[in-house]
């Protein structure tokens, strides 16, 4: 599966092959790599809907869902080091305005796919 990853304003083409490689630049132990792999393993069908991934900062990964001519949404998954949990915020484009949901705080790894799916359905 080939995905586009944007890091610090530069696009990188990366390929996921059997979970062994995510992106050359991110490194195998980075937080954003871990977030992506957790979503991929817990819900492969949801992960296949991701069009693009953007590293927002060292602890935040943005997943872009959408299709040309259709609806689109960005899901920000932020890892809280102190609480060892995630904050998930969904940003949707409606009537040419960005509508952001209230962040879902203290989301544990096994809850990630469910929280992302609920946010996309709203």
N, C-alpha and C. Protein backbone atom coordinates (compact mmCIF):
# COMPACT_ATOMS: atom_id res chain seq x y z
N UNK A 1 0.85 -1.16 0.00
CA UNK A 1 0.00 0.00 0.00
C UNK A 1 0.90 1.23 0.00
N UNK A 2 0.69 2.14 -0.89
CA UNK A 2 1.49 3.36 -0.96
C UNK A 2 0.67 4.52 -0.39
N UNK A 3 1.28 5.29 0.46
CA UNK A 3 0.65 6.46 1.05
C UNK A 3 1.58 7.64 0.91
N UNK A 4 1.01 8.83 0.89
CA UNK A 4 1.83 10.03 0.91
C UNK A 4 1.95 10.52 2.33
N UNK A 5 3.15 10.81 2.75
CA UNK A 5 3.41 11.32 4.09
C UNK A 5 4.04 12.69 3.95
N UNK A 6 3.51 13.67 4.67
CA UNK A 6 4.05 15.02 4.61
C UNK A 6 4.77 15.29 5.91
N UNK A 7 6.02 15.68 5.83
CA UNK A 7 6.80 15.96 7.02
C UNK A 7 7.51 17.30 6.83
N UNK A 8 7.22 18.24 7.69
CA UNK A 8 7.85 19.55 7.67
C UNK A 8 7.77 20.18 6.29
N UNK A 9 6.58 20.09 5.68
CA UNK A 9 6.34 20.73 4.40
C UNK A 9 6.87 19.98 3.20
N UNK A 10 7.52 18.83 3.38
CA UNK A 10 8.04 18.05 2.27
C UNK A 10 7.26 16.76 2.15
N UNK A 11 6.89 16.42 0.93
CA UNK A 11 6.17 15.17 0.72
C UNK A 11 7.15 14.03 0.54
N UNK A 12 6.82 12.92 1.14
CA UNK A 12 7.62 11.71 1.00
C UNK A 12 6.71 10.60 0.53
N UNK A 13 7.16 9.83 -0.40
CA UNK A 13 6.42 8.64 -0.78
C UNK A 13 6.92 7.49 0.09
N UNK A 14 6.01 6.76 0.67
CA UNK A 14 6.43 5.65 1.50
C UNK A 14 5.54 4.45 1.21
N UNK A 15 6.05 3.31 1.52
CA UNK A 15 5.32 2.08 1.28
C UNK A 15 5.28 1.28 2.56
N UNK A 16 4.11 0.77 2.87
CA UNK A 16 3.98 -0.11 4.03
C UNK A 16 4.00 -1.54 3.51
N UNK A 17 4.96 -2.31 3.97
CA UNK A 17 5.10 -3.68 3.52
C UNK A 17 5.18 -4.59 4.73
N UNK A 18 4.09 -5.23 5.03
CA UNK A 18 4.07 -6.18 6.14
C UNK A 18 4.38 -5.55 7.49
N UNK A 19 4.15 -4.27 7.64
CA UNK A 19 4.39 -3.61 8.91
C UNK A 19 5.86 -3.36 9.20
N UNK A 20 6.76 -3.65 8.28
CA UNK A 20 8.18 -3.51 8.53
C UNK A 20 8.70 -2.11 8.26
N UNK A 21 8.01 -1.39 7.38
CA UNK A 21 8.52 -0.08 6.98
C UNK A 21 7.39 0.92 6.87
N UNK A 22 7.55 2.08 7.44
CA UNK A 22 6.51 3.11 7.31
C UNK A 22 7.02 4.27 6.48
N UNK A 23 8.08 4.89 6.90
CA UNK A 23 8.66 5.98 6.12
C UNK A 23 10.15 6.05 6.43
N UNK A 24 10.91 6.31 5.42
CA UNK A 24 12.36 6.37 5.60
C UNK A 24 12.75 7.43 6.62
N UNK A 25 12.11 8.57 6.60
CA UNK A 25 12.53 9.69 7.44
C UNK A 25 12.04 9.59 8.87
N UNK A 26 10.89 8.95 9.10
CA UNK A 26 10.29 8.97 10.43
C UNK A 26 11.00 8.05 11.41
N UNK A 27 11.58 6.98 10.96
CA UNK A 27 12.23 6.05 11.86
C UNK A 27 11.23 5.09 12.46
N UNK A 28 11.67 3.90 12.78
CA UNK A 28 10.75 2.86 13.23
C UNK A 28 10.23 3.08 14.64
N UNK A 29 10.90 3.90 15.43
CA UNK A 29 10.48 4.08 16.82
C UNK A 29 9.78 5.42 17.07
N UNK A 30 9.45 6.18 16.04
CA UNK A 30 8.82 7.47 16.25
C UNK A 30 7.38 7.30 16.73
N UNK A 31 6.87 8.30 17.43
CA UNK A 31 5.51 8.26 17.96
C UNK A 31 4.49 8.21 16.83
N UNK A 32 4.68 9.04 15.79
CA UNK A 32 3.70 9.05 14.69
C UNK A 32 3.68 7.71 13.97
N UNK A 33 4.83 7.05 13.85
CA UNK A 33 4.87 5.72 13.24
C UNK A 33 4.08 4.73 14.10
N UNK A 34 4.24 4.83 15.39
CA UNK A 34 3.53 3.94 16.31
C UNK A 34 2.03 4.15 16.21
N UNK A 35 1.58 5.41 16.14
CA UNK A 35 0.15 5.70 16.02
C UNK A 35 -0.40 5.06 14.74
N UNK A 36 0.29 5.27 13.63
CA UNK A 36 -0.17 4.71 12.35
C UNK A 36 -0.22 3.20 12.39
N UNK A 37 0.78 2.58 12.95
CA UNK A 37 0.80 1.11 12.99
C UNK A 37 -0.29 0.57 13.92
N UNK A 38 -0.59 1.28 15.01
CA UNK A 38 -1.65 0.83 15.91
C UNK A 38 -3.01 0.88 15.21
N UNK A 39 -3.29 1.95 14.50
CA UNK A 39 -4.56 2.04 13.77
C UNK A 39 -4.61 0.97 12.69
N UNK A 40 -3.50 0.75 12.03
CA UNK A 40 -3.44 -0.26 10.95
C UNK A 40 -3.71 -1.66 11.47
N UNK A 41 -3.12 -2.00 12.59
CA UNK A 41 -3.27 -3.35 13.15
C UNK A 41 -4.67 -3.55 13.75
N UNK A 42 -5.18 -2.53 14.46
CA UNK A 42 -6.47 -2.67 15.13
C UNK A 42 -7.65 -2.65 14.17
N UNK A 43 -7.54 -1.90 13.07
CA UNK A 43 -8.66 -1.80 12.13
C UNK A 43 -8.14 -1.58 10.71
N UNK A 44 -7.75 -2.66 10.03
CA UNK A 44 -7.19 -2.53 8.68
C UNK A 44 -8.16 -1.87 7.68
N UNK A 45 -9.46 -2.11 7.82
CA UNK A 45 -10.43 -1.51 6.90
C UNK A 45 -10.46 0.01 7.06
N UNK A 46 -10.39 0.50 8.28
CA UNK A 46 -10.34 1.94 8.52
C UNK A 46 -9.05 2.53 7.97
N UNK A 47 -7.94 1.82 8.17
CA UNK A 47 -6.64 2.32 7.72
C UNK A 47 -6.59 2.43 6.19
N UNK A 48 -7.27 1.53 5.49
CA UNK A 48 -7.28 1.59 4.02
C UNK A 48 -8.00 2.84 3.50
N UNK A 49 -8.84 3.44 4.32
CA UNK A 49 -9.56 4.66 3.92
C UNK A 49 -8.70 5.92 4.05
N UNK A 50 -7.53 5.82 4.68
CA UNK A 50 -6.65 6.97 4.87
C UNK A 50 -5.98 7.31 3.54
N UNK A 51 -6.15 8.57 3.10
CA UNK A 51 -5.53 9.02 1.86
C UNK A 51 -4.13 9.56 2.07
N UNK A 52 -3.93 10.22 3.19
CA UNK A 52 -2.66 10.88 3.43
C UNK A 52 -2.43 10.99 4.92
N UNK A 53 -1.16 11.00 5.32
CA UNK A 53 -0.78 11.18 6.72
C UNK A 53 0.17 12.36 6.80
N UNK A 54 -0.02 13.17 7.84
CA UNK A 54 0.82 14.35 8.03
C UNK A 54 1.35 14.33 9.46
N UNK A 55 2.65 14.44 9.59
CA UNK A 55 3.26 14.56 10.92
C UNK A 55 3.14 16.01 11.34
N UNK A 56 2.26 16.30 12.30
CA UNK A 56 2.03 17.67 12.75
C UNK A 56 3.12 18.13 13.71
N UNK A 57 3.51 17.28 14.62
CA UNK A 57 4.65 17.50 15.51
C UNK A 57 5.13 16.13 15.97
N UNK A 58 6.02 16.10 16.92
CA UNK A 58 6.62 14.83 17.33
C UNK A 58 5.61 13.84 17.89
N UNK A 59 4.49 14.34 18.44
CA UNK A 59 3.50 13.46 19.07
C UNK A 59 2.14 13.49 18.41
N UNK A 60 2.00 14.12 17.25
CA UNK A 60 0.69 14.26 16.61
C UNK A 60 0.74 13.81 15.16
N UNK A 61 -0.20 12.95 14.81
CA UNK A 61 -0.34 12.47 13.43
C UNK A 61 -1.72 12.87 12.93
N UNK A 62 -1.77 13.47 11.73
CA UNK A 62 -3.05 13.82 11.10
C UNK A 62 -3.34 12.79 10.01
N UNK A 63 -4.51 12.18 10.10
CA UNK A 63 -4.98 11.23 9.10
C UNK A 63 -6.02 11.93 8.24
N UNK A 64 -5.82 11.93 6.92
CA UNK A 64 -6.76 12.59 6.02
C UNK A 64 -7.63 11.52 5.36
N UNK A 65 -8.93 11.67 5.53
CA UNK A 65 -9.91 10.78 4.91
C UNK A 65 -10.69 11.60 3.89
N UNK A 66 -10.96 11.03 2.75
CA UNK A 66 -11.77 11.73 1.76
C UNK A 66 -11.55 11.18 0.37
N UNK A 67 -12.37 11.71 -0.55
CA UNK A 67 -12.25 11.29 -1.93
C UNK A 67 -12.49 12.51 -2.81
N UNK A 68 -11.91 12.53 -3.99
CA UNK A 68 -12.12 13.68 -4.87
C UNK A 68 -13.60 13.90 -5.16
N UNK A 69 -14.05 15.13 -5.00
CA UNK A 69 -15.44 15.46 -5.24
C UNK A 69 -16.39 15.04 -4.13
N UNK A 70 -15.86 14.45 -3.07
CA UNK A 70 -16.71 14.00 -1.97
C UNK A 70 -16.35 14.70 -0.68
N UNK A 71 -16.88 14.19 0.40
CA UNK A 71 -16.59 14.79 1.70
C UNK A 71 -15.18 14.43 2.14
N UNK A 72 -14.63 15.26 2.99
CA UNK A 72 -13.29 14.97 3.50
C UNK A 72 -13.24 15.33 4.98
N UNK A 73 -12.32 14.71 5.67
CA UNK A 73 -12.12 14.97 7.09
C UNK A 73 -10.67 14.71 7.45
N UNK A 74 -10.19 15.46 8.42
CA UNK A 74 -8.87 15.22 9.00
C UNK A 74 -9.07 14.81 10.44
N UNK A 75 -8.33 13.80 10.85
CA UNK A 75 -8.38 13.33 12.23
C UNK A 75 -6.99 13.51 12.83
N UNK A 76 -6.90 14.33 13.88
CA UNK A 76 -5.64 14.53 14.57
C UNK A 76 -5.59 13.59 15.77
N UNK A 77 -4.53 12.78 15.82
CA UNK A 77 -4.32 11.87 16.95
C UNK A 77 -3.05 12.35 17.65
N UNK A 78 -3.21 12.83 18.88
CA UNK A 78 -2.09 13.37 19.66
C UNK A 78 -1.83 12.45 20.85
N UNK A 79 -0.57 12.07 21.01
CA UNK A 79 -0.17 11.21 22.12
C UNK A 79 0.23 12.07 23.32
N UNK A 80 -0.42 11.85 24.46
CA UNK A 80 -0.07 12.54 25.71
C UNK A 80 0.89 11.66 26.50
N UNK A 81 2.11 12.10 26.59
CA UNK A 81 3.15 11.30 27.24
C UNK A 81 2.83 11.09 28.72
N UNK A 82 2.43 12.15 29.42
CA UNK A 82 2.18 12.06 30.86
C UNK A 82 1.04 11.13 31.22
N UNK A 83 -0.02 11.15 30.41
CA UNK A 83 -1.20 10.31 30.70
C UNK A 83 -1.16 8.97 29.99
N UNK A 84 -0.22 8.80 29.06
CA UNK A 84 -0.10 7.58 28.27
C UNK A 84 -1.43 7.25 27.58
N UNK A 85 -2.02 8.28 26.96
CA UNK A 85 -3.27 8.11 26.23
C UNK A 85 -3.25 9.07 25.05
N UNK A 86 -4.33 9.08 24.27
CA UNK A 86 -4.41 9.89 23.07
C UNK A 86 -5.55 10.90 23.17
N UNK A 87 -5.39 12.02 22.47
CA UNK A 87 -6.47 12.97 22.23
C UNK A 87 -6.80 12.88 20.75
N UNK A 88 -8.07 12.75 20.41
CA UNK A 88 -8.49 12.61 19.02
C UNK A 88 -9.44 13.77 18.69
N UNK A 89 -9.11 14.54 17.65
CA UNK A 89 -9.94 15.64 17.19
C UNK A 89 -10.24 15.44 15.71
N UNK A 90 -11.52 15.60 15.33
CA UNK A 90 -11.94 15.44 13.94
C UNK A 90 -12.26 16.82 13.37
N UNK A 91 -11.71 17.11 12.18
CA UNK A 91 -11.97 18.36 11.47
C UNK A 91 -12.64 18.00 10.16
N UNK A 92 -13.87 18.50 9.94
CA UNK A 92 -14.60 18.22 8.70
C UNK A 92 -14.82 19.50 7.92
N UNK A 93 -14.92 19.36 6.61
CA UNK A 93 -15.23 20.49 5.75
C UNK A 93 -16.71 20.40 5.41
N UNK A 94 -17.48 21.40 5.88
CA UNK A 94 -18.92 21.46 5.61
C UNK A 94 -19.27 22.85 5.11
N UNK A 95 -19.89 22.91 3.96
CA UNK A 95 -20.29 24.19 3.36
C UNK A 95 -19.11 25.17 3.32
N UNK A 96 -17.96 24.66 2.92
CA UNK A 96 -16.73 25.45 2.78
C UNK A 96 -16.24 26.04 4.09
N UNK A 97 -16.64 25.45 5.21
CA UNK A 97 -16.15 25.85 6.52
C UNK A 97 -15.60 24.62 7.23
N UNK A 98 -14.53 24.83 7.98
CA UNK A 98 -13.95 23.74 8.76
C UNK A 98 -14.68 23.67 10.09
N UNK A 99 -15.24 22.51 10.38
CA UNK A 99 -15.96 22.28 11.63
C UNK A 99 -15.14 21.27 12.43
N UNK A 100 -14.68 21.69 13.60
CA UNK A 100 -13.87 20.82 14.44
C UNK A 100 -14.71 20.28 15.59
N UNK A 101 -14.49 19.03 15.90
CA UNK A 101 -15.20 18.43 17.03
C UNK A 101 -14.44 18.75 18.32
N UNK A 102 -15.12 18.57 19.42
CA UNK A 102 -14.46 18.70 20.71
C UNK A 102 -13.48 17.54 20.84
N UNK A 103 -12.26 17.79 21.30
CA UNK A 103 -11.29 16.69 21.39
C UNK A 103 -11.77 15.58 22.34
N UNK A 104 -11.61 14.36 21.89
CA UNK A 104 -11.87 13.21 22.76
C UNK A 104 -10.57 12.94 23.51
N UNK A 105 -10.58 13.18 24.81
CA UNK A 105 -9.37 13.04 25.60
C UNK A 105 -9.33 11.70 26.30
N UNK A 106 -8.14 11.30 26.67
CA UNK A 106 -7.90 10.05 27.38
C UNK A 106 -8.44 8.84 26.63
N UNK A 107 -8.13 8.77 25.36
CA UNK A 107 -8.50 7.62 24.53
C UNK A 107 -7.35 6.63 24.58
N UNK A 108 -7.65 5.40 24.93
CA UNK A 108 -6.63 4.37 24.98
C UNK A 108 -6.52 3.67 23.63
N UNK A 109 -5.40 3.02 23.41
CA UNK A 109 -5.06 2.49 22.09
C UNK A 109 -6.16 1.59 21.54
N UNK A 110 -6.77 0.75 22.35
CA UNK A 110 -7.79 -0.16 21.84
C UNK A 110 -9.08 0.57 21.46
N UNK A 111 -9.23 1.82 21.92
CA UNK A 111 -10.40 2.62 21.60
C UNK A 111 -10.22 3.49 20.36
N UNK A 112 -9.00 3.62 19.86
CA UNK A 112 -8.71 4.52 18.75
C UNK A 112 -9.61 4.32 17.53
N UNK A 113 -9.70 3.11 16.98
CA UNK A 113 -10.53 2.94 15.78
C UNK A 113 -11.99 3.33 16.01
N UNK A 114 -12.54 2.96 17.15
CA UNK A 114 -13.95 3.26 17.45
C UNK A 114 -14.18 4.77 17.54
N UNK A 115 -13.29 5.49 18.21
CA UNK A 115 -13.42 6.94 18.36
C UNK A 115 -13.27 7.63 17.01
N UNK A 116 -12.33 7.17 16.19
CA UNK A 116 -12.14 7.75 14.85
C UNK A 116 -13.39 7.51 14.00
N UNK A 117 -13.91 6.29 14.00
CA UNK A 117 -15.11 5.99 13.21
C UNK A 117 -16.31 6.84 13.64
N UNK A 118 -16.52 6.97 14.96
CA UNK A 118 -17.62 7.79 15.46
C UNK A 118 -17.47 9.24 15.03
N UNK A 119 -16.25 9.75 15.06
CA UNK A 119 -16.01 11.13 14.65
C UNK A 119 -16.26 11.35 13.18
N UNK A 120 -15.95 10.36 12.35
CA UNK A 120 -16.16 10.49 10.91
C UNK A 120 -17.64 10.39 10.56
N UNK A 121 -18.44 9.66 11.35
CA UNK A 121 -19.86 9.49 11.07
C UNK A 121 -20.69 10.72 11.43
N UNK A 122 -20.22 11.55 12.32
CA UNK A 122 -21.01 12.72 12.77
C UNK A 122 -21.14 13.73 11.69
